[in-house]
Amino acid sequence: MVLEALVSHQILSRAALEALISHQILSGATAQAGMEVGKT
C-alpha cells in the first residue's frame, strides 16, 4: 500500500512538474511576443 501511494504521488508530482514546465514555456512565449510587439 505504501508503495502504491509513493507511485501515485510520483505520477502526481510528474504531472505537476510537466504543468509547470509547459506554463513556463507559455510564459516565455508570451514574454517574447510582448517584446516583439514592443519593438515595432
N, C-alpha and C. Protein backbone atom coordinates (compact mmCIF):
# COMPACT_ATOMS: atom_id res chain seq x y z
N MET A 1 0.83 -1.21 0.00
CA MET A 1 0.00 0.00 0.00
C MET A 1 0.87 1.26 0.00
N VAL A 2 1.92 1.23 0.80
CA VAL A 2 2.82 2.38 0.84
C VAL A 2 3.45 2.59 -0.52
N LEU A 3 3.84 1.48 -1.15
CA LEU A 3 4.47 1.58 -2.47
C LEU A 3 3.50 2.18 -3.47
N GLU A 4 2.25 1.74 -3.42
CA GLU A 4 1.25 2.30 -4.35
C GLU A 4 1.08 3.79 -4.12
N ALA A 5 1.07 4.20 -2.85
CA ALA A 5 0.92 5.62 -2.53
C ALA A 5 2.11 6.41 -3.08
N LEU A 6 3.31 5.85 -2.93
CA LEU A 6 4.50 6.53 -3.44
C LEU A 6 4.45 6.65 -4.96
N VAL A 7 4.05 5.58 -5.62
CA VAL A 7 4.00 5.60 -7.08
C VAL A 7 2.98 6.63 -7.56
N SER A 8 1.79 6.64 -6.95
CA SER A 8 0.78 7.59 -7.39
C SER A 8 1.23 9.02 -7.06
N HIS A 9 1.95 9.20 -5.97
CA HIS A 9 2.46 10.53 -5.63
C HIS A 9 3.48 10.98 -6.67
N GLN A 10 4.31 10.04 -7.12
CA GLN A 10 5.31 10.39 -8.13
C GLN A 10 4.64 10.75 -9.45
N ILE A 11 3.55 10.04 -9.78
CA ILE A 11 2.82 10.36 -11.01
C ILE A 11 2.24 11.77 -10.90
N LEU A 12 1.69 12.08 -9.72
CA LEU A 12 1.14 13.42 -9.50
C LEU A 12 2.24 14.47 -9.58
N SER A 13 3.38 14.17 -8.95
CA SER A 13 4.49 15.12 -8.97
C SER A 13 4.96 15.35 -10.39
N ARG A 14 5.03 14.28 -11.16
CA ARG A 14 5.48 14.38 -12.54
C ARG A 14 4.50 15.24 -13.35
N ALA A 15 3.21 15.01 -13.12
CA ALA A 15 2.20 15.80 -13.83
C ALA A 15 2.32 17.27 -13.44
N ALA A 16 2.55 17.53 -12.15
CA ALA A 16 2.70 18.92 -11.69
C ALA A 16 3.94 19.55 -12.32
N LEU A 17 5.01 18.76 -12.39
CA LEU A 17 6.25 19.27 -12.99
C LEU A 17 6.04 19.58 -14.47
N GLU A 18 5.36 18.68 -15.17
CA GLU A 18 5.09 18.92 -16.59
C GLU A 18 4.21 20.16 -16.77
N ALA A 19 3.23 20.33 -15.89
CA ALA A 19 2.36 21.51 -15.96
C ALA A 19 3.18 22.78 -15.75
N LEU A 20 4.11 22.73 -14.78
CA LEU A 20 4.96 23.90 -14.52
C LEU A 20 5.82 24.21 -15.72
N ILE A 21 6.41 23.15 -16.32
CA ILE A 21 7.27 23.36 -17.48
C ILE A 21 6.48 23.96 -18.63
N SER A 22 5.30 23.41 -18.91
CA SER A 22 4.51 23.94 -20.02
C SER A 22 4.06 25.36 -19.71
N HIS A 23 3.80 25.66 -18.44
CA HIS A 23 3.42 27.02 -18.06
C HIS A 23 4.58 27.97 -18.30
N GLN A 24 5.80 27.50 -17.98
CA GLN A 24 6.97 28.35 -18.19
C GLN A 24 7.20 28.59 -19.68
N ILE A 25 6.95 27.54 -20.49
CA ILE A 25 7.10 27.70 -21.94
C ILE A 25 6.08 28.74 -22.43
N LEU A 26 4.84 28.63 -21.94
CA LEU A 26 3.81 29.60 -22.33
C LEU A 26 4.19 31.00 -21.89
N SER A 27 4.68 31.13 -20.65
CA SER A 27 5.08 32.44 -20.14
C SER A 27 6.21 33.02 -20.98
N GLY A 28 7.16 32.16 -21.33
CA GLY A 28 8.29 32.61 -22.15
C GLY A 28 7.82 33.06 -23.52
N ALA A 29 6.90 32.31 -24.11
CA ALA A 29 6.39 32.67 -25.43
C ALA A 29 5.62 33.98 -25.36
N THR A 30 4.85 34.16 -24.30
CA THR A 30 4.09 35.40 -24.13
C THR A 30 5.03 36.58 -23.97
N ALA A 31 6.08 36.41 -23.17
CA ALA A 31 7.05 37.48 -22.95
C ALA A 31 7.75 37.83 -24.26
N GLN A 32 8.10 36.79 -25.03
CA GLN A 32 8.78 37.03 -26.30
C GLN A 32 7.85 37.76 -27.26
N ALA A 33 6.59 37.36 -27.30
CA ALA A 33 5.62 38.03 -28.17
C ALA A 33 5.48 39.48 -27.75
N GLY A 34 5.47 39.73 -26.45
CA GLY A 34 5.36 41.10 -25.95
C GLY A 34 6.55 41.94 -26.39
N MET A 35 7.74 41.35 -26.36
CA MET A 35 8.93 42.08 -26.77
C MET A 35 8.90 42.36 -28.27
N GLU A 36 8.41 41.38 -29.04
CA GLU A 36 8.31 41.57 -30.49
C GLU A 36 7.37 42.74 -30.78
N VAL A 37 6.25 42.80 -30.07
CA VAL A 37 5.29 43.89 -30.27
C VAL A 37 5.92 45.22 -29.86
N GLY A 38 6.69 45.20 -28.77
CA GLY A 38 7.31 46.41 -28.28
C GLY A 38 8.35 46.98 -29.25
N LYS A 39 8.96 46.11 -30.05
CA LYS A 39 10.00 46.56 -30.98
C LYS A 39 9.43 47.41 -32.10
N THR A 40 8.26 47.04 -32.58
CA THR A 40 7.72 47.72 -33.76
C THR A 40 7.18 49.10 -33.43
